[in-house]
N, C-alpha and C. Protein backbone atom coordinates (compact mmCIF):
# COMPACT_ATOMS: atom_id res chain seq x y z
N MET A 1 -32.57 63.69 -116.55
CA MET A 1 -32.77 62.30 -116.18
C MET A 1 -34.26 62.00 -116.06
N ARG A 2 -35.00 62.97 -115.49
CA ARG A 2 -36.43 62.78 -115.36
C ARG A 2 -37.11 62.68 -116.73
N VAL A 3 -36.66 63.51 -117.64
CA VAL A 3 -37.24 63.53 -118.98
C VAL A 3 -36.96 62.19 -119.67
N ARG A 4 -35.74 61.70 -119.51
CA ARG A 4 -35.38 60.42 -120.13
C ARG A 4 -36.24 59.30 -119.56
N THR A 5 -36.44 59.26 -118.28
CA THR A 5 -37.28 58.25 -117.63
C THR A 5 -38.72 58.37 -118.10
N ALA A 6 -39.22 59.58 -118.22
CA ALA A 6 -40.60 59.79 -118.68
C ALA A 6 -40.77 59.32 -120.11
N VAL A 7 -39.78 59.63 -120.96
CA VAL A 7 -39.84 59.20 -122.37
C VAL A 7 -39.80 57.68 -122.45
N PHE A 8 -38.91 57.07 -121.66
CA PHE A 8 -38.81 55.61 -121.64
C PHE A 8 -40.13 54.97 -121.19
N ALA A 9 -40.73 55.53 -120.16
CA ALA A 9 -42.01 55.02 -119.66
C ALA A 9 -43.10 55.17 -120.72
N LEU A 10 -43.08 56.29 -121.43
CA LEU A 10 -44.08 56.52 -122.48
C LEU A 10 -43.91 55.51 -123.62
N ILE A 11 -42.68 55.27 -124.04
CA ILE A 11 -42.41 54.30 -125.12
C ILE A 11 -42.81 52.90 -124.67
N LEU A 12 -42.46 52.55 -123.45
CA LEU A 12 -42.84 51.23 -122.92
C LEU A 12 -44.35 51.09 -122.85
N GLY A 13 -45.03 52.12 -122.41
CA GLY A 13 -46.49 52.10 -122.33
C GLY A 13 -47.13 51.94 -123.71
N LEU A 14 -46.59 52.64 -124.70
CA LEU A 14 -47.10 52.51 -126.07
C LEU A 14 -46.89 51.09 -126.61
N ALA A 15 -45.70 50.53 -126.35
CA ALA A 15 -45.39 49.18 -126.83
C ALA A 15 -46.34 48.16 -126.21
N VAL A 16 -46.58 48.30 -124.91
CA VAL A 16 -47.50 47.39 -124.22
C VAL A 16 -48.91 47.55 -124.78
N THR A 17 -49.31 48.78 -125.00
CA THR A 17 -50.66 49.04 -125.52
C THR A 17 -50.82 48.44 -126.91
N ILE A 18 -49.84 48.66 -127.77
CA ILE A 18 -49.93 48.13 -129.15
C ILE A 18 -49.94 46.62 -129.13
N THR A 19 -49.04 46.01 -128.36
CA THR A 19 -48.99 44.55 -128.28
C THR A 19 -50.25 43.99 -127.65
N GLY A 20 -50.71 44.65 -126.59
CA GLY A 20 -51.89 44.18 -125.87
C GLY A 20 -53.15 44.27 -126.72
N CYS A 21 -53.15 45.17 -127.68
CA CYS A 21 -54.34 45.35 -128.52
C CYS A 21 -54.25 44.61 -129.85
N ALA A 22 -53.27 43.72 -129.99
CA ALA A 22 -53.16 42.97 -131.24
C ALA A 22 -54.47 42.24 -131.49
N THR A 23 -54.88 42.25 -132.74
CA THR A 23 -56.14 41.59 -133.08
C THR A 23 -55.89 40.30 -133.84
N ALA A 24 -56.77 39.38 -133.66
CA ALA A 24 -56.65 38.09 -134.33
C ALA A 24 -56.82 38.27 -135.83
N PRO A 25 -56.06 37.53 -136.63
CA PRO A 25 -56.18 37.61 -138.09
C PRO A 25 -57.43 36.87 -138.56
N THR A 26 -58.58 37.50 -138.37
CA THR A 26 -59.87 36.86 -138.59
C THR A 26 -60.04 36.30 -140.00
N ALA A 27 -59.65 37.07 -141.01
CA ALA A 27 -59.83 36.62 -142.40
C ALA A 27 -59.03 35.34 -142.66
N ASP A 28 -57.80 35.31 -142.13
CA ASP A 28 -56.96 34.12 -142.32
C ASP A 28 -57.53 32.91 -141.57
N ILE A 29 -58.07 33.17 -140.38
CA ILE A 29 -58.68 32.08 -139.60
C ILE A 29 -59.87 31.51 -140.36
N GLU A 30 -60.69 32.39 -140.91
CA GLU A 30 -61.86 31.94 -141.68
C GLU A 30 -61.44 31.16 -142.92
N ALA A 31 -60.36 31.59 -143.57
CA ALA A 31 -59.87 30.89 -144.76
C ALA A 31 -59.41 29.47 -144.40
N ALA A 32 -58.74 29.33 -143.25
CA ALA A 32 -58.30 28.00 -142.81
C ALA A 32 -59.49 27.11 -142.51
N LYS A 33 -60.49 27.69 -141.82
CA LYS A 33 -61.70 26.91 -141.51
C LYS A 33 -62.43 26.51 -142.79
N ALA A 34 -62.47 27.41 -143.76
CA ALA A 34 -63.13 27.13 -145.04
C ALA A 34 -62.41 26.01 -145.79
N ALA A 35 -61.08 25.99 -145.71
CA ALA A 35 -60.31 24.93 -146.38
C ALA A 35 -60.65 23.56 -145.78
N ILE A 36 -60.79 23.52 -144.47
CA ILE A 36 -61.12 22.24 -143.80
C ILE A 36 -62.56 21.85 -144.09
N ALA A 37 -63.46 22.81 -144.07
CA ALA A 37 -64.86 22.52 -144.41
C ALA A 37 -64.97 22.04 -145.85
N GLY A 38 -64.15 22.63 -146.73
CA GLY A 38 -64.15 22.20 -148.13
C GLY A 38 -63.70 20.76 -148.28
N ALA A 39 -62.74 20.35 -147.47
CA ALA A 39 -62.26 18.96 -147.50
C ALA A 39 -63.38 18.01 -147.07
N GLU A 40 -64.12 18.40 -146.05
CA GLU A 40 -65.23 17.57 -145.58
C GLU A 40 -66.30 17.44 -146.67
N THR A 41 -66.60 18.56 -147.33
CA THR A 41 -67.59 18.56 -148.41
C THR A 41 -67.12 17.71 -149.59
N ALA A 42 -65.81 17.71 -149.83
CA ALA A 42 -65.24 16.95 -150.95
C ALA A 42 -65.22 15.44 -150.69
N GLY A 43 -65.62 15.03 -149.50
CA GLY A 43 -65.67 13.59 -149.21
C GLY A 43 -64.42 13.05 -148.55
N ALA A 44 -63.64 13.92 -147.92
CA ALA A 44 -62.40 13.48 -147.28
C ALA A 44 -62.66 12.46 -146.17
N ALA A 45 -63.80 12.55 -145.50
CA ALA A 45 -64.09 11.59 -144.43
C ALA A 45 -64.10 10.17 -144.97
N GLU A 46 -64.57 10.00 -146.19
CA GLU A 46 -64.66 8.66 -146.77
C GLU A 46 -63.43 8.29 -147.59
N TYR A 47 -62.87 9.25 -148.32
CA TYR A 47 -61.82 8.94 -149.28
C TYR A 47 -60.41 9.39 -148.86
N ALA A 48 -60.30 10.18 -147.81
CA ALA A 48 -58.98 10.63 -147.34
C ALA A 48 -59.04 10.89 -145.84
N ALA A 49 -59.44 9.87 -145.11
CA ALA A 49 -59.68 10.02 -143.67
C ALA A 49 -58.43 10.49 -142.91
N ASP A 50 -57.26 9.97 -143.27
CA ASP A 50 -56.03 10.36 -142.56
C ASP A 50 -55.71 11.83 -142.79
N SER A 51 -55.87 12.28 -144.03
CA SER A 51 -55.60 13.69 -144.34
C SER A 51 -56.60 14.60 -143.63
N LEU A 52 -57.85 14.19 -143.59
CA LEU A 52 -58.86 14.99 -142.90
C LEU A 52 -58.56 15.05 -141.41
N LYS A 53 -58.13 13.94 -140.83
CA LYS A 53 -57.78 13.91 -139.40
C LYS A 53 -56.63 14.88 -139.13
N ALA A 54 -55.64 14.89 -140.01
CA ALA A 54 -54.50 15.81 -139.84
C ALA A 54 -54.98 17.27 -139.90
N ALA A 55 -55.90 17.55 -140.82
CA ALA A 55 -56.44 18.91 -140.94
C ALA A 55 -57.24 19.29 -139.69
N GLN A 56 -58.02 18.35 -139.19
CA GLN A 56 -58.80 18.62 -137.98
C GLN A 56 -57.90 18.81 -136.76
N ASP A 57 -56.82 18.05 -136.70
CA ASP A 57 -55.85 18.22 -135.62
C ASP A 57 -55.19 19.60 -135.70
N ALA A 58 -54.88 20.03 -136.92
CA ALA A 58 -54.29 21.36 -137.11
C ALA A 58 -55.28 22.45 -136.68
N GLN A 59 -56.54 22.23 -136.99
CA GLN A 59 -57.59 23.18 -136.58
C GLN A 59 -57.70 23.22 -135.06
N ALA A 60 -57.62 22.07 -134.42
CA ALA A 60 -57.71 22.01 -132.95
C ALA A 60 -56.53 22.75 -132.31
N ALA A 61 -55.33 22.58 -132.89
CA ALA A 61 -54.16 23.29 -132.36
C ALA A 61 -54.34 24.80 -132.52
N LEU A 62 -54.87 25.22 -133.65
CA LEU A 62 -55.12 26.64 -133.88
C LEU A 62 -56.16 27.18 -132.89
N ASP A 63 -57.23 26.44 -132.71
CA ASP A 63 -58.27 26.86 -131.77
C ASP A 63 -57.71 27.01 -130.36
N ALA A 64 -56.85 26.08 -129.95
CA ALA A 64 -56.25 26.13 -128.61
C ALA A 64 -55.37 27.38 -128.47
N GLU A 65 -54.60 27.68 -129.52
CA GLU A 65 -53.74 28.86 -129.48
C GLU A 65 -54.57 30.15 -129.43
N LEU A 66 -55.63 30.19 -130.22
CA LEU A 66 -56.50 31.39 -130.22
C LEU A 66 -57.14 31.59 -128.85
N LYS A 67 -57.55 30.49 -128.24
CA LYS A 67 -58.16 30.57 -126.91
C LYS A 67 -57.14 31.07 -125.89
N ALA A 68 -55.92 30.59 -126.02
CA ALA A 68 -54.85 31.02 -125.11
C ALA A 68 -54.60 32.52 -125.26
N GLN A 69 -54.64 33.00 -126.48
CA GLN A 69 -54.41 34.43 -126.72
C GLN A 69 -55.57 35.29 -126.20
N GLU A 70 -56.77 34.76 -126.25
CA GLU A 70 -57.93 35.50 -125.73
C GLU A 70 -57.74 35.82 -124.25
N GLY A 71 -57.19 34.88 -123.52
CA GLY A 71 -57.00 35.06 -122.08
C GLY A 71 -55.71 35.77 -121.73
N SER A 72 -54.90 36.08 -122.72
CA SER A 72 -53.61 36.71 -122.47
C SER A 72 -53.74 38.22 -122.41
N TRP A 73 -52.99 38.82 -121.49
CA TRP A 73 -53.01 40.27 -121.37
C TRP A 73 -52.22 40.91 -122.51
N MET A 74 -51.10 40.29 -122.88
CA MET A 74 -50.29 40.78 -124.00
C MET A 74 -50.44 39.79 -125.15
N LYS A 75 -51.37 40.07 -126.03
CA LYS A 75 -51.69 39.16 -127.13
C LYS A 75 -50.62 39.21 -128.21
N SER A 76 -50.32 38.04 -128.73
CA SER A 76 -49.40 37.92 -129.86
C SER A 76 -49.92 36.80 -130.75
N TYR A 77 -50.13 37.09 -132.00
CA TYR A 77 -50.70 36.10 -132.90
C TYR A 77 -49.67 35.52 -133.87
N ASP A 78 -48.38 35.63 -133.51
CA ASP A 78 -47.33 35.08 -134.38
C ASP A 78 -47.46 33.56 -134.51
N LYS A 79 -47.59 32.88 -133.38
CA LYS A 79 -47.74 31.42 -133.43
C LYS A 79 -49.06 31.05 -134.10
N ALA A 80 -50.10 31.81 -133.85
CA ALA A 80 -51.40 31.55 -134.47
C ALA A 80 -51.30 31.64 -135.99
N LYS A 81 -50.53 32.59 -136.48
CA LYS A 81 -50.37 32.74 -137.94
C LYS A 81 -49.73 31.50 -138.55
N GLU A 82 -48.75 30.95 -137.85
CA GLU A 82 -48.12 29.70 -138.32
C GLU A 82 -49.14 28.56 -138.32
N LEU A 83 -49.93 28.48 -137.25
CA LEU A 83 -50.94 27.42 -137.15
C LEU A 83 -52.05 27.60 -138.18
N ILE A 84 -52.37 28.84 -138.49
CA ILE A 84 -53.38 29.13 -139.53
C ILE A 84 -52.88 28.59 -140.86
N ALA A 85 -51.64 28.91 -141.19
CA ALA A 85 -51.06 28.44 -142.46
C ALA A 85 -51.04 26.92 -142.52
N ALA A 86 -50.68 26.29 -141.40
CA ALA A 86 -50.63 24.82 -141.35
C ALA A 86 -52.02 24.22 -141.50
N ALA A 87 -53.01 24.80 -140.84
CA ALA A 87 -54.39 24.29 -140.93
C ALA A 87 -54.94 24.45 -142.34
N LYS A 88 -54.68 25.59 -142.95
CA LYS A 88 -55.16 25.84 -144.31
C LYS A 88 -54.52 24.85 -145.29
N ALA A 89 -53.21 24.67 -145.16
CA ALA A 89 -52.49 23.73 -146.03
C ALA A 89 -53.00 22.31 -145.84
N ALA A 90 -53.26 21.93 -144.60
CA ALA A 90 -53.76 20.58 -144.31
C ALA A 90 -55.16 20.39 -144.89
N GLY A 91 -55.99 21.43 -144.80
CA GLY A 91 -57.33 21.36 -145.39
C GLY A 91 -57.28 21.21 -146.90
N GLU A 92 -56.39 21.97 -147.52
CA GLU A 92 -56.25 21.88 -148.99
C GLU A 92 -55.71 20.52 -149.40
N LYS A 93 -54.78 19.98 -148.62
CA LYS A 93 -54.23 18.64 -148.91
C LYS A 93 -55.33 17.58 -148.78
N ALA A 94 -56.15 17.70 -147.75
CA ALA A 94 -57.23 16.75 -147.55
C ALA A 94 -58.22 16.80 -148.72
N THR A 95 -58.47 17.99 -149.24
CA THR A 95 -59.37 18.13 -150.39
C THR A 95 -58.77 17.43 -151.61
N ALA A 96 -57.48 17.67 -151.85
CA ALA A 96 -56.80 17.04 -152.99
C ALA A 96 -56.76 15.52 -152.83
N ASP A 97 -56.46 15.07 -151.61
CA ASP A 97 -56.41 13.63 -151.34
C ASP A 97 -57.79 12.98 -151.50
N ALA A 98 -58.84 13.70 -151.12
CA ALA A 98 -60.20 13.19 -151.28
C ALA A 98 -60.53 13.01 -152.76
N ALA A 99 -60.14 13.98 -153.58
CA ALA A 99 -60.40 13.88 -155.02
C ALA A 99 -59.65 12.69 -155.61
N ALA A 100 -58.40 12.50 -155.21
CA ALA A 100 -57.61 11.37 -155.70
C ALA A 100 -58.20 10.05 -155.21
N GLY A 101 -58.60 10.01 -153.94
CA GLY A 101 -59.19 8.80 -153.37
C GLY A 101 -60.50 8.44 -154.05
N LYS A 102 -61.28 9.47 -154.37
CA LYS A 102 -62.56 9.25 -155.03
C LYS A 102 -62.34 8.68 -156.44
N GLU A 103 -61.36 9.21 -157.15
CA GLU A 103 -61.05 8.70 -158.50
C GLU A 103 -60.59 7.25 -158.45
N LYS A 104 -59.76 6.94 -157.44
CA LYS A 104 -59.28 5.56 -157.30
C LYS A 104 -60.44 4.63 -156.97
N ALA A 105 -61.33 5.07 -156.08
CA ALA A 105 -62.48 4.25 -155.71
C ALA A 105 -63.38 4.02 -156.93
N LYS A 106 -63.54 5.05 -157.75
CA LYS A 106 -64.35 4.92 -158.97
C LYS A 106 -63.73 3.89 -159.91
N ALA A 107 -62.42 3.98 -160.10
CA ALA A 107 -61.72 3.02 -160.96
C ALA A 107 -61.82 1.61 -160.39
N ASP A 108 -61.65 1.48 -159.08
CA ASP A 108 -61.76 0.16 -158.43
C ASP A 108 -63.17 -0.42 -158.59
N ALA A 109 -64.18 0.44 -158.43
CA ALA A 109 -65.57 -0.02 -158.55
C ALA A 109 -65.87 -0.45 -159.98
N THR A 110 -65.39 0.34 -160.94
CA THR A 110 -65.59 0.00 -162.35
C THR A 110 -64.95 -1.35 -162.68
N GLN A 111 -63.73 -1.55 -162.17
CA GLN A 111 -63.02 -2.82 -162.41
C GLN A 111 -63.73 -3.98 -161.71
N ALA A 112 -64.19 -3.75 -160.50
CA ALA A 112 -64.88 -4.82 -159.76
C ALA A 112 -66.15 -5.25 -160.49
N ILE A 113 -66.87 -4.29 -161.05
CA ILE A 113 -68.09 -4.62 -161.80
C ILE A 113 -67.74 -5.41 -163.05
N ALA A 114 -66.70 -4.99 -163.76
CA ALA A 114 -66.27 -5.71 -164.97
C ALA A 114 -65.87 -7.14 -164.62
N ASP A 115 -65.12 -7.30 -163.53
CA ASP A 115 -64.70 -8.64 -163.09
C ASP A 115 -65.90 -9.51 -162.71
N ALA A 116 -66.88 -8.89 -162.05
CA ALA A 116 -68.08 -9.64 -161.64
C ALA A 116 -68.87 -10.09 -162.86
N LYS A 117 -68.98 -9.22 -163.86
CA LYS A 117 -69.70 -9.58 -165.09
C LYS A 117 -69.03 -10.74 -165.81
N THR A 118 -67.71 -10.70 -165.87
CA THR A 118 -66.94 -11.79 -166.50
C THR A 118 -67.17 -13.09 -165.75
N ALA A 119 -67.07 -13.03 -164.43
CA ALA A 119 -67.26 -14.23 -163.61
C ALA A 119 -68.68 -14.77 -163.77
N LEU A 120 -69.66 -13.88 -163.84
CA LEU A 120 -71.06 -14.30 -164.01
C LEU A 120 -71.26 -14.98 -165.35
N THR A 121 -70.72 -14.39 -166.41
CA THR A 121 -70.86 -14.98 -167.75
C THR A 121 -70.23 -16.37 -167.79
N GLU A 122 -69.04 -16.50 -167.24
CA GLU A 122 -68.36 -17.80 -167.21
C GLU A 122 -69.17 -18.83 -166.44
N ALA A 123 -69.71 -18.43 -165.30
CA ALA A 123 -70.50 -19.35 -164.48
C ALA A 123 -71.79 -19.76 -165.19
N GLN A 124 -72.43 -18.80 -165.86
CA GLN A 124 -73.67 -19.11 -166.59
C GLN A 124 -73.41 -20.09 -167.73
N GLU A 125 -72.31 -19.86 -168.46
CA GLU A 125 -71.96 -20.75 -169.57
C GLU A 125 -71.64 -22.15 -169.07
N LEU A 126 -70.94 -22.22 -167.97
CA LEU A 126 -70.58 -23.53 -167.41
C LEU A 126 -71.81 -24.23 -166.84
N LEU A 127 -72.71 -23.47 -166.21
CA LEU A 127 -73.92 -24.07 -165.66
C LEU A 127 -74.79 -24.67 -166.76
N ALA A 128 -74.78 -24.04 -167.94
CA ALA A 128 -75.56 -24.58 -169.06
C ALA A 128 -75.01 -25.94 -169.51
N LYS A 129 -73.72 -26.20 -169.25
CA LYS A 129 -73.10 -27.47 -169.63
C LYS A 129 -73.04 -28.46 -168.47
N ALA A 130 -73.60 -28.08 -167.33
CA ALA A 130 -73.52 -28.93 -166.13
C ALA A 130 -74.20 -30.28 -166.39
N PRO A 131 -73.61 -31.34 -165.82
CA PRO A 131 -74.21 -32.66 -166.00
C PRO A 131 -75.59 -32.73 -165.33
N LYS A 132 -76.52 -33.26 -166.08
CA LYS A 132 -77.88 -33.39 -165.55
C LYS A 132 -78.17 -34.86 -165.35
N GLY A 133 -78.84 -35.15 -164.33
CA GLY A 133 -79.16 -36.54 -164.05
C GLY A 133 -80.05 -36.62 -162.83
N LYS A 134 -80.20 -37.83 -162.37
CA LYS A 134 -81.06 -38.07 -161.22
C LYS A 134 -80.51 -37.36 -159.98
N GLY A 135 -81.36 -36.55 -159.35
CA GLY A 135 -80.98 -35.88 -158.11
C GLY A 135 -80.21 -34.57 -158.31
N THR A 136 -80.04 -34.12 -159.56
CA THR A 136 -79.28 -32.88 -159.78
C THR A 136 -80.19 -31.67 -159.99
N ALA A 137 -81.46 -31.88 -160.22
CA ALA A 137 -82.37 -30.78 -160.55
C ALA A 137 -82.40 -29.71 -159.46
N ALA A 138 -82.48 -30.11 -158.22
CA ALA A 138 -82.55 -29.15 -157.11
C ALA A 138 -81.25 -28.34 -157.01
N ASP A 139 -80.11 -29.04 -157.17
CA ASP A 139 -78.82 -28.35 -157.10
C ASP A 139 -78.69 -27.35 -158.24
N LEU A 140 -79.08 -27.77 -159.44
CA LEU A 140 -78.99 -26.88 -160.60
C LEU A 140 -79.90 -25.66 -160.43
N ALA A 141 -81.09 -25.88 -159.91
CA ALA A 141 -82.03 -24.77 -159.67
C ALA A 141 -81.47 -23.80 -158.64
N ALA A 142 -80.85 -24.33 -157.61
CA ALA A 142 -80.25 -23.47 -156.57
C ALA A 142 -79.11 -22.64 -157.14
N MET A 143 -78.29 -23.28 -157.99
CA MET A 143 -77.17 -22.56 -158.61
C MET A 143 -77.69 -21.49 -159.57
N LYS A 144 -78.75 -21.80 -160.29
CA LYS A 144 -79.34 -20.82 -161.20
C LYS A 144 -79.85 -19.61 -160.40
N THR A 145 -80.49 -19.88 -159.27
CA THR A 145 -80.98 -18.80 -158.40
C THR A 145 -79.81 -17.97 -157.87
N ASP A 146 -78.72 -18.64 -157.51
CA ASP A 146 -77.53 -17.92 -157.03
C ASP A 146 -76.99 -16.98 -158.10
N LEU A 147 -77.00 -17.43 -159.35
CA LEU A 147 -76.50 -16.59 -160.44
C LEU A 147 -77.47 -15.44 -160.75
N GLU A 148 -78.75 -15.68 -160.58
CA GLU A 148 -79.72 -14.59 -160.77
C GLU A 148 -79.52 -13.52 -159.68
N THR A 149 -79.25 -13.98 -158.46
CA THR A 149 -78.98 -13.06 -157.35
C THR A 149 -77.69 -12.27 -157.63
N ALA A 150 -76.69 -12.95 -158.19
CA ALA A 150 -75.44 -12.28 -158.55
C ALA A 150 -75.68 -11.22 -159.63
N ALA A 151 -76.52 -11.54 -160.61
CA ALA A 151 -76.84 -10.58 -161.67
C ALA A 151 -77.53 -9.34 -161.08
N THR A 152 -78.42 -9.57 -160.12
CA THR A 152 -79.09 -8.45 -159.45
C THR A 152 -78.08 -7.59 -158.69
N ALA A 153 -77.13 -8.25 -158.04
CA ALA A 153 -76.10 -7.52 -157.29
C ALA A 153 -75.25 -6.67 -158.23
N ILE A 154 -74.98 -7.18 -159.43
CA ILE A 154 -74.21 -6.40 -160.42
C ILE A 154 -75.00 -5.17 -160.85
N THR A 155 -76.30 -5.34 -161.07
CA THR A 155 -77.15 -4.20 -161.44
C THR A 155 -77.15 -3.16 -160.33
N GLU A 156 -77.24 -3.62 -159.09
CA GLU A 156 -77.20 -2.71 -157.93
C GLU A 156 -75.84 -2.01 -157.83
N ALA A 157 -74.77 -2.75 -158.15
CA ALA A 157 -73.43 -2.16 -158.13
C ALA A 157 -73.31 -1.06 -159.18
N GLU A 158 -73.87 -1.29 -160.34
CA GLU A 158 -73.84 -0.27 -161.40
C GLU A 158 -74.65 0.96 -160.99
N SER A 159 -75.76 0.75 -160.34
CA SER A 159 -76.57 1.88 -159.84
C SER A 159 -75.79 2.67 -158.79
N ALA A 160 -75.11 1.95 -157.89
CA ALA A 160 -74.31 2.61 -156.85
C ALA A 160 -73.17 3.40 -157.49
N LEU A 161 -72.58 2.85 -158.53
CA LEU A 161 -71.50 3.56 -159.25
C LEU A 161 -72.03 4.86 -159.85
N ASP A 162 -73.22 4.81 -160.43
CA ASP A 162 -73.83 5.99 -161.06
C ASP A 162 -74.09 7.12 -160.07
N ILE A 163 -74.38 6.77 -158.81
CA ILE A 163 -74.70 7.81 -157.82
C ILE A 163 -73.53 8.06 -156.86
N VAL A 164 -72.33 7.71 -157.32
CA VAL A 164 -71.08 7.99 -156.62
C VAL A 164 -70.99 7.31 -155.25
N MET A 165 -71.54 6.13 -155.15
CA MET A 165 -71.40 5.33 -153.93
C MET A 165 -70.43 4.18 -154.26
N TYR A 166 -69.17 4.57 -154.43
CA TYR A 166 -68.18 3.64 -154.97
C TYR A 166 -67.90 2.45 -154.06
N LYS A 167 -67.81 2.68 -152.76
CA LYS A 167 -67.53 1.56 -151.85
C LYS A 167 -68.69 0.56 -151.86
N ASN A 168 -69.90 1.05 -151.92
CA ASN A 168 -71.08 0.19 -152.00
C ASN A 168 -71.04 -0.62 -153.29
N ALA A 169 -70.66 0.04 -154.39
CA ALA A 169 -70.57 -0.63 -155.69
C ALA A 169 -69.54 -1.76 -155.64
N ILE A 170 -68.41 -1.49 -155.02
CA ILE A 170 -67.36 -2.51 -154.91
C ILE A 170 -67.85 -3.70 -154.09
N THR A 171 -68.52 -3.44 -152.98
CA THR A 171 -69.02 -4.51 -152.12
C THR A 171 -70.01 -5.40 -152.87
N LYS A 172 -70.94 -4.77 -153.58
CA LYS A 172 -71.95 -5.55 -154.32
C LYS A 172 -71.31 -6.34 -155.47
N ALA A 173 -70.38 -5.73 -156.17
CA ALA A 173 -69.70 -6.40 -157.28
C ALA A 173 -68.89 -7.59 -156.78
N GLU A 174 -68.20 -7.41 -155.67
CA GLU A 174 -67.41 -8.52 -155.12
C GLU A 174 -68.31 -9.65 -154.64
N SER A 175 -69.46 -9.30 -154.09
CA SER A 175 -70.42 -10.32 -153.66
C SER A 175 -70.90 -11.14 -154.87
N ALA A 176 -71.20 -10.45 -155.96
CA ALA A 176 -71.65 -11.13 -157.18
C ALA A 176 -70.55 -12.02 -157.73
N LYS A 177 -69.34 -11.50 -157.75
CA LYS A 177 -68.20 -12.28 -158.28
C LYS A 177 -67.98 -13.54 -157.45
N ASN A 178 -68.07 -13.41 -156.12
CA ASN A 178 -67.87 -14.57 -155.25
C ASN A 178 -68.97 -15.61 -155.46
N ALA A 179 -70.21 -15.16 -155.63
CA ALA A 179 -71.32 -16.10 -155.87
C ALA A 179 -71.10 -16.84 -157.17
N ALA A 180 -70.70 -16.11 -158.22
CA ALA A 180 -70.45 -16.74 -159.52
C ALA A 180 -69.30 -17.74 -159.43
N ALA A 181 -68.26 -17.37 -158.69
CA ALA A 181 -67.11 -18.27 -158.53
C ALA A 181 -67.50 -19.54 -157.79
N THR A 182 -68.39 -19.41 -156.80
CA THR A 182 -68.85 -20.58 -156.04
C THR A 182 -69.62 -21.53 -156.96
N VAL A 183 -70.51 -20.99 -157.78
CA VAL A 183 -71.28 -21.82 -158.73
C VAL A 183 -70.34 -22.48 -159.71
N LYS A 184 -69.40 -21.70 -160.24
CA LYS A 184 -68.45 -22.25 -161.22
C LYS A 184 -67.67 -23.41 -160.62
N SER A 185 -67.20 -23.24 -159.40
CA SER A 185 -66.44 -24.32 -158.74
C SER A 185 -67.29 -25.56 -158.54
N ALA A 186 -68.57 -25.36 -158.15
CA ALA A 186 -69.47 -26.49 -157.92
C ALA A 186 -69.72 -27.25 -159.22
N VAL A 187 -69.93 -26.52 -160.31
CA VAL A 187 -70.18 -27.17 -161.60
C VAL A 187 -68.92 -27.91 -162.06
N GLU A 188 -67.76 -27.27 -161.91
CA GLU A 188 -66.50 -27.93 -162.30
C GLU A 188 -66.28 -29.21 -161.49
N ALA A 189 -66.61 -29.17 -160.21
CA ALA A 189 -66.47 -30.37 -159.37
C ALA A 189 -67.42 -31.46 -159.84
N ALA A 190 -68.66 -31.09 -160.20
CA ALA A 190 -69.63 -32.06 -160.69
C ALA A 190 -69.17 -32.68 -162.01
N MET A 191 -68.60 -31.85 -162.90
CA MET A 191 -68.10 -32.35 -164.18
C MET A 191 -66.93 -33.31 -163.97
N ALA A 192 -66.05 -32.95 -163.06
CA ALA A 192 -64.90 -33.80 -162.77
C ALA A 192 -65.36 -35.13 -162.18
N ALA A 193 -66.36 -35.10 -161.31
CA ALA A 193 -66.88 -36.32 -160.69
C ALA A 193 -67.53 -37.22 -161.74
N LYS A 194 -68.20 -36.62 -162.71
CA LYS A 194 -68.88 -37.42 -163.75
C LYS A 194 -67.88 -38.11 -164.66
N LYS A 195 -66.73 -37.48 -164.88
CA LYS A 195 -65.72 -38.07 -165.76
C LYS A 195 -65.08 -39.30 -165.16
N LYS A 196 -65.10 -39.40 -163.82
CA LYS A 196 -64.44 -40.52 -163.14
C LYS A 196 -65.16 -41.81 -163.30
């Protein structure tokens, strides 16, 4: 009976020692952190903010679990391994979403610039046909200046597109398009008033 008790105590002591000495899966933790850092580098903050937030939340949950295990007498990294896998997957998803978001922003910026150029051309052609008469010179000069400003905004939008500042390109292109549309509407109103 004594021998059986001693053997049982020895086995229990070994089990506690092995469990208590469990080590954190450092390589896997680093891989998960690298996946999230890669998402940040890929532009997820700008182009896939929700996915990046999910990855950062997964990282925070992993960090909390690792901290809990540090303070534990009997360490177990089973839950941490699940959280590592989740954080890594979330980081990889954020990277993929950032790439897709960036491509969409590029396409949107390209389209916005094309639309702005079309609107500018239409406004310039219409302004050339605007009715001229007494008291219209100042208005026509102001509209011409507005269209020159719109042309400058389009050039700036194209520059922003070239240096991968897609949101900036869209903003400038939309500003130019709106200015051209305003001039076009003013000229059309003047033409309509002259016909009456």
